[in-house]
Protein backbone atom coordinates (compact mmCIF):
# COMPACT_ATOMS: atom_id res chain seq x y z
CA MET A 1 0.00 0.00 0.00
CA ALA A 2 2.78 2.36 -0.95
CA GLY A 3 2.33 6.04 -1.64
CA GLU A 4 -0.79 8.08 -1.05
CA THR A 5 -3.98 6.43 0.08
CA SER A 6 -7.06 7.25 -1.92
CA PRO A 7 -8.96 10.28 -0.61
CA ALA A 8 -12.13 8.27 -1.04
CA VAL A 9 -10.84 5.72 1.45
CA LEU A 10 -10.03 8.42 3.96
CA GLY A 11 -13.06 10.56 3.38
CA LEU A 12 -10.82 13.58 3.87
CA GLY A 13 -11.32 15.49 0.66
CA GLY A 14 -8.33 15.89 -1.59
CA MET A 15 -5.79 15.76 1.24
CA GLY A 16 -3.70 18.34 -0.53
CA GLY A 17 -5.04 21.44 1.19
CA THR A 18 -5.82 22.60 4.68
CA HIS A 19 -8.08 20.99 7.23
CA ALA A 20 -10.82 23.52 6.44
CA ALA A 21 -11.36 21.99 3.02
CA ALA A 22 -11.04 18.49 4.39
CA ALA A 23 -13.61 19.11 7.09
CA LYS A 24 -16.27 19.86 4.49
CA ALA A 25 -15.72 16.51 2.81
CA SER A 26 -15.25 14.25 5.81
CA PRO A 27 -18.06 11.74 6.43
CA TYR A 28 -17.11 11.79 10.10
CA VAL A 29 -17.94 15.47 10.36
CA ARG A 30 -21.44 14.62 9.15
CA ARG A 31 -21.67 11.59 11.37
CA PHE A 32 -20.22 13.24 14.46
CA PRO A 33 -22.15 16.52 14.80
CA GLY A 34 -20.35 17.29 18.04
CA SER A 35 -21.97 20.67 18.58
CA ALA A 36 -25.45 19.25 18.20
CA PRO A 37 -26.75 17.87 21.51
CA GLY A 38 -28.75 14.69 21.47
CA PRO A 39 -30.53 12.57 24.04
CA ALA A 40 -28.29 9.57 23.35
CA ARG A 41 -25.08 11.46 23.99
CA ALA A 42 -23.60 10.46 27.34
CA ALA A 43 -22.50 13.10 29.80
CA LEU A 44 -18.72 13.20 30.03
CA ALA A 45 -18.77 12.73 33.80
CA ASP A 46 -20.69 9.47 33.32
CA ILE A 47 -18.09 7.93 31.00
CA ALA A 48 -15.51 5.65 32.61
CA VAL A 49 -12.12 6.67 31.23
CA ILE A 50 -8.81 4.87 31.08
CA ASP A 51 -6.07 7.41 30.45
CA THR A 52 -3.35 5.61 28.50
CA HIS A 53 -0.86 8.47 28.50
CA VAL A 54 0.01 9.97 31.88
CA HIS A 55 3.40 11.39 32.74
CA LEU A 56 4.54 11.85 36.31
CA TRP A 57 7.90 13.31 37.18
CA ASP A 58 9.81 14.57 40.16
CA THR A 59 12.46 17.12 39.27
CA ASP A 60 13.73 16.98 42.84
CA ARG A 61 14.57 13.31 42.39
CA PHE A 62 15.44 12.90 38.70
CA ARG A 63 17.02 14.97 35.96
CA TYR A 64 14.97 15.38 32.78
CA PRO A 65 17.24 17.08 30.21
CA TRP A 66 14.41 18.09 27.89
CA LEU A 67 12.65 20.10 30.60
CA ALA A 68 15.35 22.76 30.35
CA HIS A 69 13.57 23.80 27.15
CA ALA A 70 10.07 23.62 28.69
CA PRO A 71 10.17 25.94 31.71
CA GLY A 72 6.43 25.67 32.31
CA LEU A 73 6.84 21.94 32.90
CA ASN A 74 10.13 22.04 34.78
CA ARG A 75 8.77 21.24 38.22
CA PRO A 76 7.37 18.15 39.94
CA PHE A 77 4.10 16.77 38.55
CA LEU A 78 2.86 14.19 41.01
CA PRO A 79 -0.28 12.07 41.48
CA ALA A 80 -1.94 14.75 43.61
CA ASP A 81 -1.49 17.23 40.76
CA TYR A 82 -3.11 14.79 38.34
CA ARG A 83 -6.05 14.33 40.67
CA ARG A 84 -6.59 18.09 40.75
CA ALA A 85 -6.29 18.39 36.97
CA THR A 86 -8.87 15.66 36.38
CA ALA A 87 -11.34 16.57 39.13
CA GLY A 88 -14.90 15.83 38.08
CA LEU A 89 -13.88 13.27 35.46
CA ASN A 90 -14.36 9.55 35.92
CA ILE A 91 -10.75 8.42 35.41
CA GLU A 92 -10.87 4.74 36.30
CA ALA A 93 -7.27 3.79 35.53
CA MET A 94 -4.02 5.28 34.28
CA VAL A 95 -1.05 4.08 32.25
CA PHE A 96 2.23 5.81 33.04
CA LEU A 97 4.45 6.73 30.09
CA GLN A 98 8.16 7.16 30.67
CA GLY A 99 9.05 10.82 31.02
CA GLU A 100 12.54 10.90 29.50
CA ALA A 101 14.47 10.99 32.72
CA GLU A 102 18.18 10.64 32.02
CA PRO A 103 18.65 7.15 30.52
CA SER A 104 20.85 5.86 33.34
CA ARG A 105 17.89 6.29 35.72
CA SER A 106 15.26 4.46 33.64
CA HIS A 107 14.90 1.56 36.07
CA ASP A 108 14.83 3.97 39.00
CA GLU A 109 11.98 5.83 37.31
CA VAL A 110 10.01 2.59 37.02
CA ALA A 111 10.61 1.82 40.70
CA TRP A 112 9.55 5.33 41.71
CA VAL A 113 6.31 5.17 39.71
CA THR A 114 5.57 1.74 41.14
CA ALA A 115 5.91 3.24 44.63
CA GLN A 116 3.38 5.93 43.69
CA THR A 117 0.67 3.27 43.47
CA VAL A 118 0.45 3.43 47.27
CA CYS A 119 -1.14 6.88 47.02
CA GLU A 120 -2.56 6.46 43.50
CA PRO A 121 -3.79 2.89 42.94
CA ARG A 122 -5.29 3.85 39.59
CA ILE A 123 -1.78 3.53 38.10
CA ARG A 124 -2.23 0.07 36.63
CA GLY A 125 0.28 0.02 33.81
CA ILE A 126 3.76 1.33 33.01
CA VAL A 127 5.41 1.92 29.65
CA ALA A 128 9.10 2.14 30.46
CA ARG A 129 12.08 3.45 28.55
CA ALA A 130 14.36 0.86 27.00
CA ALA A 131 17.36 1.47 24.74
CA VAL A 132 16.20 -0.98 22.10
CA GLU A 133 18.84 0.33 19.70
CA ARG A 134 21.30 -1.83 21.68
CA GLY A 135 19.83 -4.91 20.03
CA GLU A 136 20.53 -8.16 21.86
CA ALA A 137 22.28 -6.19 24.59
CA VAL A 138 18.92 -4.80 25.76
CA ARG A 139 17.75 -8.27 26.77
CA ASP A 140 18.92 -7.91 30.39
CA ASP A 141 16.99 -4.65 30.71
CA LEU A 142 13.86 -6.33 29.38
CA ILE A 143 14.26 -9.21 31.82
CA ARG A 144 14.52 -6.72 34.66
CA LEU A 145 11.53 -4.70 33.48
CA ARG A 146 9.37 -7.78 33.05
CA ARG A 147 9.82 -8.67 36.71
CA ASN A 148 7.65 -5.68 37.56
CA PRO A 149 4.01 -6.74 37.10
CA LEU A 150 2.99 -3.20 36.12
CA VAL A 151 5.27 -2.96 33.08
CA ARG A 152 3.25 -3.49 29.92
CA GLY A 153 5.49 -2.10 27.20
CA VAL A 154 8.46 0.08 26.34
CA ARG A 155 9.09 3.28 24.48
CA ARG A 156 12.20 4.68 22.85
CA ILE A 157 11.40 8.15 21.50
CA VAL A 158 12.79 8.78 18.02
CA GLN A 159 11.28 12.19 17.24
CA ASP A 160 14.49 14.05 18.14
CA GLU A 161 16.88 11.76 16.26
CA MET A 162 18.68 13.42 13.36
CA ASP A 163 18.58 10.24 11.27
CA PRO A 164 14.96 9.80 10.11
CA ALA A 165 15.63 6.08 9.65
CA PHE A 166 17.09 5.66 13.14
CA CYS A 167 14.41 3.10 14.01
CA LEU A 168 15.46 0.97 11.02
CA ARG A 169 19.03 0.48 12.13
CA PRO A 170 19.66 -3.26 12.63
CA GLY A 171 20.21 -2.98 16.37
CA PHE A 172 16.98 -1.03 16.87
CA VAL A 173 14.96 -3.50 14.83
CA ARG A 174 16.41 -6.44 16.71
CA GLY A 175 15.77 -4.79 20.07
CA VAL A 176 12.13 -4.24 19.17
CA GLN A 177 11.78 -7.79 17.89
CA LEU A 178 12.93 -9.06 21.29
CA LEU A 179 9.84 -7.53 22.91
CA ALA A 180 7.73 -10.40 21.60
CA GLU A 181 9.62 -12.79 23.89
CA PHE A 182 8.59 -10.74 26.91
CA ASP A 183 5.00 -9.98 25.88
CA LEU A 184 5.81 -6.27 25.80
CA HIS A 185 4.56 -3.82 23.19
CA PHE A 186 6.40 -0.86 21.67
CA GLU A 187 5.15 2.72 21.62
CA ILE A 188 6.23 4.94 18.74
CA CYS A 189 6.73 8.67 19.26
CA LEU A 190 7.73 10.32 16.00
CA LYS A 191 7.43 13.56 14.06
CA GLY A 192 7.31 14.16 10.32
CA ASP A 193 6.80 12.15 7.17
CA ALA A 194 10.25 10.58 6.97
CA GLN A 195 10.05 9.19 10.49
CA PHE A 196 6.48 8.02 9.88
CA ARG A 197 7.58 6.11 6.77
CA ALA A 198 10.42 4.52 8.72
CA ALA A 199 8.04 3.53 11.53
CA ILE A 200 5.73 1.79 9.06
CA ALA A 201 8.70 -0.20 7.80
CA LEU A 202 9.65 -1.08 11.39
CA VAL A 203 6.18 -2.39 12.15
CA ARG A 204 6.36 -4.55 9.02
CA GLN A 205 9.67 -6.03 10.16
CA CYS A 206 8.30 -6.93 13.60
CA PRO A 207 5.03 -8.80 12.95
CA GLY A 208 5.15 -10.50 16.35
CA VAL A 209 5.23 -7.21 18.27
CA ARG A 210 2.26 -4.97 19.00
CA PHE A 211 2.80 -1.27 18.34
CA VAL A 212 1.08 1.89 19.54
CA LEU A 213 1.41 5.12 17.59
CA ASP A 214 1.49 7.88 20.19
CA HIS A 215 -0.25 11.20 19.55
CA ILE A 216 -1.69 9.97 16.20
CA GLY A 217 1.75 10.50 14.68
CA LYS A 218 1.98 14.21 15.56
CA PRO A 219 0.39 15.69 12.44
CA PHE A 220 0.98 19.33 11.56
CA ILE A 221 -2.29 20.58 13.02
CA ARG A 222 -1.04 24.12 13.58
CA GLU A 223 -0.31 24.38 9.86
CA GLY A 224 -3.57 22.65 8.89
CA LEU A 225 -1.81 19.96 6.84
CA LEU A 226 -3.39 16.56 6.28
CA SER A 227 -1.06 15.18 3.63
CA PRO A 228 1.03 13.05 3.77
CA TRP A 229 -0.02 12.24 7.35
CA ALA A 230 -3.44 10.88 6.39
CA GLY A 231 -2.01 8.45 3.86
CA ASN A 232 0.59 7.26 6.34
CA MET A 233 -2.13 6.65 8.90
CA CYS A 234 -4.04 4.37 6.55
CA GLU A 235 -0.89 2.52 5.56
CA LEU A 236 0.04 1.90 9.18
CA ALA A 237 -3.51 0.90 10.07
CA ALA A 238 -3.43 -1.73 7.33
CA LEU A 239 -0.92 -3.63 9.49
CA PRO A 240 -2.80 -5.76 12.04
CA ASN A 241 -0.21 -5.30 14.81
CA ALA A 242 -0.61 -1.50 14.97
CA TRP A 243 -2.86 0.53 17.29
CA CYS A 244 -3.20 4.29 17.66
CA LYS A 245 -3.51 6.65 20.60
CA LEU A 246 -5.72 9.74 20.36
CA SER A 247 -3.52 11.95 22.48
CA GLY A 248 -1.32 15.00 22.20
CA LEU A 249 -3.38 16.79 19.55
CA VAL A 250 -3.63 20.10 21.39
CA ASN A 251 0.16 20.34 21.60
CA GLU A 252 0.40 20.09 17.81
CA ALA A 253 -2.25 22.81 17.38
CA ALA A 254 -2.01 26.51 18.22
CA TRP A 255 -1.48 26.59 21.98
CA LYS A 256 -4.38 28.11 23.89
CA ARG A 257 -6.07 29.09 20.59
CA TRP A 258 -7.00 25.71 19.16
CA THR A 259 -10.62 24.82 18.41
CA VAL A 260 -12.60 21.62 18.17
CA ALA A 261 -13.18 22.40 14.49
CA GLY A 262 -9.43 22.55 13.95
CA LEU A 263 -8.83 19.21 15.67
CA ARG A 264 -11.77 17.40 14.13
CA PRO A 265 -10.23 16.49 10.72
CA TYR A 266 -7.35 14.77 12.50
CA ILE A 267 -9.63 12.93 14.89
CA ASP A 268 -11.71 11.94 11.87
CA GLY A 269 -8.58 10.78 10.06
CA ALA A 270 -7.54 8.58 12.96
CA VAL A 271 -11.01 7.04 13.16
CA ALA A 272 -11.15 6.57 9.38
CA ALA A 273 -7.82 4.74 9.42
CA PHE A 274 -8.00 2.62 12.58
CA GLY A 275 -11.71 2.42 13.29
CA PHE A 276 -12.98 2.27 16.85
CA ASP A 277 -11.43 -1.13 17.54
CA ARG A 278 -7.76 -0.03 17.53
CA LEU A 279 -7.96 3.46 19.01
CA PHE A 280 -7.72 4.56 22.60
CA TYR A 281 -7.71 7.83 24.51
CA GLY A 282 -4.69 9.47 26.10
CA GLY A 283 -4.52 12.68 28.11
CA ASP A 284 -0.79 13.43 27.65
CA TRP A 285 -0.79 15.20 31.00
CA PRO A 286 1.03 17.35 32.03
CA VAL A 287 2.51 18.04 28.59
CA CYS A 288 -0.98 18.99 27.39
CA THR A 289 -1.09 21.84 29.91
CA GLN A 290 1.18 23.89 27.65
CA ALA A 291 -1.73 24.15 25.23
CA SER A 292 -4.87 23.38 27.22
CA ALA A 293 -6.42 22.43 30.51
CA TYR A 294 -6.78 18.66 30.77
CA ARG A 295 -10.55 18.86 30.90
CA SER A 296 -10.71 21.04 27.79
CA TRP A 297 -8.92 18.38 25.75
CA VAL A 298 -11.10 15.48 26.89
CA GLU A 299 -14.22 17.61 26.34
CA ALA A 300 -13.03 18.47 22.84
CA LEU A 301 -12.57 14.81 21.94
CA HIS A 302 -15.92 13.93 23.48
CA GLU A 303 -17.55 16.63 21.36
CA ALA A 304 -15.72 15.68 18.17
CA VAL A 305 -17.04 12.11 18.35
CA GLY A 306 -20.42 13.18 19.69
CA GLY A 307 -22.35 11.22 17.07
CA CYS A 308 -20.67 7.87 17.65
CA THR A 309 -22.53 5.00 19.25
CA ALA A 310 -22.35 4.27 22.96
CA LEU A 311 -20.31 1.15 22.22
CA GLU A 312 -17.83 3.07 20.06
CA ARG A 313 -17.42 5.72 22.72
CA ARG A 314 -16.85 3.07 25.38
CA LYS A 315 -14.23 1.39 23.20
CA LEU A 316 -12.39 4.67 22.64
CA PHE A 317 -12.36 5.86 26.22
CA HIS A 318 -12.19 2.56 28.09
CA ASP A 319 -12.58 -0.92 26.64
CA ASN A 320 -9.80 -0.93 24.04
CA ALA A 321 -7.27 0.31 26.58
CA GLU A 322 -8.42 -2.19 29.18
CA ALA A 323 -7.87 -5.04 26.72
CA PHE A 324 -4.64 -3.81 25.12
CA TYR A 325 -2.86 -2.91 28.36
CA ARG A 326 -4.32 -5.91 30.20
CA LEU A 327 -5.98 -3.81 32.90
CA ALA A 328 -9.12 -5.85 33.51
CA PRO A 329 -9.93 -6.46 37.20
CA PRO A 330 -9.15 -7.91 39.61
CA TRP A 331 -5.92 -5.96 39.91
CA ARG A 332 -3.25 -7.50 42.07
CA SER A 333 -2.06 -5.08 44.72
CA LEU A 334 1.69 -4.50 44.84
CA HIS A 335 1.48 -3.57 48.49
CA PRO A 336 0.34 -5.67 51.49
């Protein structure tokens, strides 16, 4: 399925212009009249939510090099802060995503987050950092991670790598392939067409590994561009071992000035590509706070898919995540 995907398949207009033109042509805009209230639309507070993308960090305990360039985030963000940010929402469970602490402290970060479950038992999954580019040499790290019953997968961010094909280097591919032995999935965080193309090739080379595309591939929402992102989404979705996370959109839009209308074509594109069976919700807190209050983002997504069925909404916000991250009760307590 090389090259551009047919606009008819995507339902996103010609894909060559801005999202304004695409929005007029999208069948999901017609199907999801988010601004039109209806009796069947569930109240947001009544929807059980699993947040698959929560960051916690403690700048008093760990060093996070990237935070030097994000002063608004360069302070501790702890479970109590998350509870305040999500007050009034029915967040049933959370999945912690590694926060890019300095690599030598990756295992310490996992241990610290595990300890946070004493005060925040809704943390029921961890996606840890692993230097998969080390190939076979990463095996010992994976063995150690797998001993923690909360660890569900690993992530090695590639978005800042200068080589767009970094994830296709032999060591990286081999390291990802090893995840199948440990029943761990891999989360992809990328930016731009070249990295997206490389990620698709990586997924093809690792058919035994499940993948999650974080932040729907970070499309250029601020610029209103749908192509080539939309075609890449459909090509990735054609691979049965790929899932997608509806998260991080507000950070790719105009901070504090984004609108539901501006996000909708990208939400539509993700749904058109992956359907409601391989999508799940992520808050991307506290990174999202640079662009939006947490509640504003979840309300925007709820509005954008306002015309979906109750089952589809439950899959997006809860059921798919519960199944993929293996979060179904009863949860085994890590503490006596």
